[in-house]
Amino acid sequence: MQPNPLIPVSEFCIHHHVEIAFVNSLEQQGLVETICVEQSVYVQPEQLPRLEKLVRLHQDLAIHPDDLDVVSNLLERLEGLQGEISQLQNQLMFYQRRAD
């Protein structure tokens, strides 16, 4: 099985209409990971959904790159809480069915 190819940051930026400095700032904040290979910077495919989400937050909601870490953390917490609510609802339904 062939490993996933790396995505050049320059191509990502052209496709999504963002500056390379934007991706660099996300990398410096620890929001995404990049890899430098032979003087070129790449993103691993598994980082792509997170990077695209951050770009959408920046472009659609006009969130400043320095504030994306806060928004990202809040969204992750919200998703975790939603998952926990679903799990608790499933447990509640299970016990309600057993009681009937």
C-alpha atoms as a PDB file:
ATOM      1  CA  MET A   1       0.000   0.000   0.000  1.00  0.00           C
ATOM      2  CA  GLN A   2       1.367   3.380  -1.010  1.00  0.00           C
ATOM      3  CA  PRO A   3       1.509   6.061   1.709  1.00  0.00           C
ATOM      4  CA  ASN A   4      -0.557   9.213   1.290  1.00  0.00           C
ATOM      5  CA  PRO A   5       1.323  11.849  -0.688  1.00  0.00           C
ATOM      6  CA  LEU A   6       2.243  15.083   1.004  1.00  0.00           C
ATOM      7  CA  ILE A   7       0.375  18.217  -0.036  1.00  0.00           C
ATOM      8  CA  PRO A   8       2.535  21.243  -0.860  1.00  0.00           C
ATOM      9  CA  VAL A   9       1.503  24.225   1.252  1.00  0.00           C
ATOM     10  CA  SER A  10       1.976  26.511  -1.747  1.00  0.00           C
ATOM     11  CA  GLU A  11      -0.597  24.540  -3.777  1.00  0.00           C
ATOM     12  CA  PHE A  12      -2.995  24.430  -0.835  1.00  0.00           C
ATOM     13  CA  CYS A  13      -2.725  28.208  -0.467  1.00  0.00           C
ATOM     14  CA  ILE A  14      -3.331  28.831  -4.158  1.00  0.00           C
ATOM     15  CA  HIS A  15      -6.361  26.546  -4.168  1.00  0.00           C
ATOM     16  CA  HIS A  16      -7.877  28.097  -1.010  1.00  0.00           C
ATOM     17  CA  HIS A  17      -6.858  31.695  -1.745  1.00  0.00           C
ATOM     18  CA  VAL A  18      -4.821  32.198   1.421  1.00  0.00           C
ATOM     19  CA  GLU A  19      -1.302  33.420   2.011  1.00  0.00           C
ATOM     20  CA  ILE A  20       1.481  31.022   2.943  1.00  0.00           C
ATOM     21  CA  ALA A  21       2.062  33.247   5.968  1.00  0.00           C
ATOM     22  CA  PHE A  22      -1.433  32.263   7.164  1.00  0.00           C
ATOM     23  CA  VAL A  23      -0.531  28.570   7.200  1.00  0.00           C
ATOM     24  CA  ASN A  24       2.803  29.406   8.814  1.00  0.00           C
ATOM     25  CA  SER A  25       1.024  31.281  11.600  1.00  0.00           C
ATOM     26  CA  LEU A  26      -1.278  28.301  12.187  1.00  0.00           C
ATOM     27  CA  GLU A  27       1.752  26.046  12.376  1.00  0.00           C
ATOM     28  CA  GLN A  28       3.469  28.378  14.844  1.00  0.00           C
ATOM     29  CA  GLN A  29       0.357  28.340  17.037  1.00  0.00           C
ATOM     30  CA  GLY A  30       0.368  24.535  16.988  1.00  0.00           C
ATOM     31  CA  LEU A  31      -2.957  24.269  15.171  1.00  0.00           C
ATOM     32  CA  VAL A  32      -1.570  22.297  12.222  1.00  0.00           C
ATOM     33  CA  GLU A  33       1.639  20.442  11.531  1.00  0.00           C
ATOM     34  CA  THR A  34       3.775  20.988   8.468  1.00  0.00           C
ATOM     35  CA  ILE A  35       6.760  19.067   7.184  1.00  0.00           C
ATOM     36  CA  CYS A  36       9.789  20.581   5.499  1.00  0.00           C
ATOM     37  CA  VAL A  37      11.340  18.368   2.823  1.00  0.00           C
ATOM     38  CA  GLU A  38      14.154  19.688   0.645  1.00  0.00           C
ATOM     39  CA  GLN A  39      13.342  23.386   1.129  1.00  0.00           C
ATOM     40  CA  SER A  40       9.607  22.846   0.508  1.00  0.00           C
ATOM     41  CA  VAL A  41       6.838  22.857   3.115  1.00  0.00           C
ATOM     42  CA  TYR A  42       4.123  20.205   3.035  1.00  0.00           C
ATOM     43  CA  VAL A  43       0.987  19.224   4.903  1.00  0.00           C
ATOM     44  CA  GLN A  44       0.118  15.607   5.581  1.00  0.00           C
ATOM     45  CA  PRO A  45      -3.268  14.491   4.201  1.00  0.00           C
ATOM     46  CA  GLU A  46      -4.644  13.755   7.677  1.00  0.00           C
ATOM     47  CA  GLN A  47      -4.061  17.436   8.586  1.00  0.00           C
ATOM     48  CA  LEU A  48      -6.080  18.630   5.601  1.00  0.00           C
ATOM     49  CA  PRO A  49      -9.593  18.593   7.149  1.00  0.00           C
ATOM     50  CA  ARG A  50      -8.412  20.602  10.167  1.00  0.00           C
ATOM     51  CA  LEU A  51      -6.527  23.070   7.976  1.00  0.00           C
ATOM     52  CA  GLU A  52      -9.520  23.528   5.673  1.00  0.00           C
ATOM     53  CA  LYS A  53     -11.781  24.069   8.689  1.00  0.00           C
ATOM     54  CA  LEU A  54      -9.454  26.780  10.001  1.00  0.00           C
ATOM     55  CA  VAL A  55      -9.369  28.446   6.588  1.00  0.00           C
ATOM     56  CA  ARG A  56     -13.179  28.458   6.433  1.00  0.00           C
ATOM     57  CA  LEU A  57     -13.405  29.973   9.924  1.00  0.00           C
ATOM     58  CA  HIS A  58     -10.929  32.637   8.899  1.00  0.00           C
ATOM     59  CA  GLN A  59     -12.539  33.453   5.568  1.00  0.00           C
ATOM     60  CA  ASP A  60     -16.256  32.978   6.278  1.00  0.00           C
ATOM     61  CA  LEU A  61     -16.380  34.431   9.781  1.00  0.00           C
ATOM     62  CA  ALA A  62     -13.466  36.871   9.455  1.00  0.00           C
ATOM     63  CA  ILE A  63     -11.731  35.393  12.486  1.00  0.00           C
ATOM     64  CA  HIS A  64      -8.230  36.731  12.896  1.00  0.00           C
ATOM     65  CA  PRO A  65      -5.536  34.014  12.641  1.00  0.00           C
ATOM     66  CA  ASP A  66      -4.342  34.788  16.179  1.00  0.00           C
ATOM     67  CA  ASP A  67      -7.829  34.023  17.519  1.00  0.00           C
ATOM     68  CA  LEU A  68      -8.339  30.755  15.654  1.00  0.00           C
ATOM     69  CA  ASP A  69      -6.765  28.737  18.471  1.00  0.00           C
ATOM     70  CA  VAL A  70      -9.449  29.914  20.909  1.00  0.00           C
ATOM     71  CA  VAL A  71     -12.283  29.264  18.454  1.00  0.00           C
ATOM     72  CA  SER A  72     -10.839  25.875  17.524  1.00  0.00           C
ATOM     73  CA  ASN A  73     -10.562  24.825  21.170  1.00  0.00           C
ATOM     74  CA  LEU A  74     -14.139  25.915  21.862  1.00  0.00           C
ATOM     75  CA  LEU A  75     -15.425  23.988  18.837  1.00  0.00           C
ATOM     76  CA  GLU A  76     -13.549  20.855  19.918  1.00  0.00           C
ATOM     77  CA  ARG A  77     -15.021  21.139  23.421  1.00  0.00           C
ATOM     78  CA  LEU A  78     -18.489  21.629  21.945  1.00  0.00           C
ATOM     79  CA  GLU A  79     -18.107  18.550  19.730  1.00  0.00           C
ATOM     80  CA  GLY A  80     -16.907  16.547  22.741  1.00  0.00           C
ATOM     81  CA  LEU A  81     -19.896  17.659  24.806  1.00  0.00           C
ATOM     82  CA  GLN A  82     -22.285  16.812  21.963  1.00  0.00           C
ATOM     83  CA  GLY A  83     -20.772  13.338  21.772  1.00  0.00           C
ATOM     84  CA  GLU A  84     -21.142  12.946  25.524  1.00  0.00           C
ATOM     85  CA  ILE A  85     -24.807  14.025  25.353  1.00  0.00           C
ATOM     86  CA  SER A  86     -25.460  11.447  22.605  1.00  0.00           C
ATOM     87  CA  GLN A  87     -23.812   8.731  24.674  1.00  0.00           C
ATOM     88  CA  LEU A  88     -25.869   9.650  27.754  1.00  0.00           C
ATOM     89  CA  GLN A  89     -29.086   9.745  25.709  1.00  0.00           C
ATOM     90  CA  ASN A  90     -28.330   6.261  24.378  1.00  0.00           C
ATOM     91  CA  GLN A  91     -27.701   4.966  27.888  1.00  0.00           C
ATOM     92  CA  LEU A  92     -30.919   6.567  29.108  1.00  0.00           C
ATOM     93  CA  MET A  93     -32.936   4.936  26.308  1.00  0.00           C
ATOM     94  CA  PHE A  94     -31.299   1.581  27.114  1.00  0.00           C
ATOM     95  CA  TYR A  95     -32.282   1.769  30.777  1.00  0.00           C
ATOM     96  CA  GLN A  96     -35.777   3.048  29.968  1.00  0.00           C
ATOM     97  CA  ARG A  97     -36.363   0.052  27.693  1.00  0.00           C
ATOM     98  CA  ARG A  98     -35.136  -2.338  30.395  1.00  0.00           C
ATOM     99  CA  ALA A  99     -37.519  -0.761  32.894  1.00  0.00           C
ATOM    100  CA  ASP A 100     -40.544  -1.327  30.617  1.00  0.00           C
END
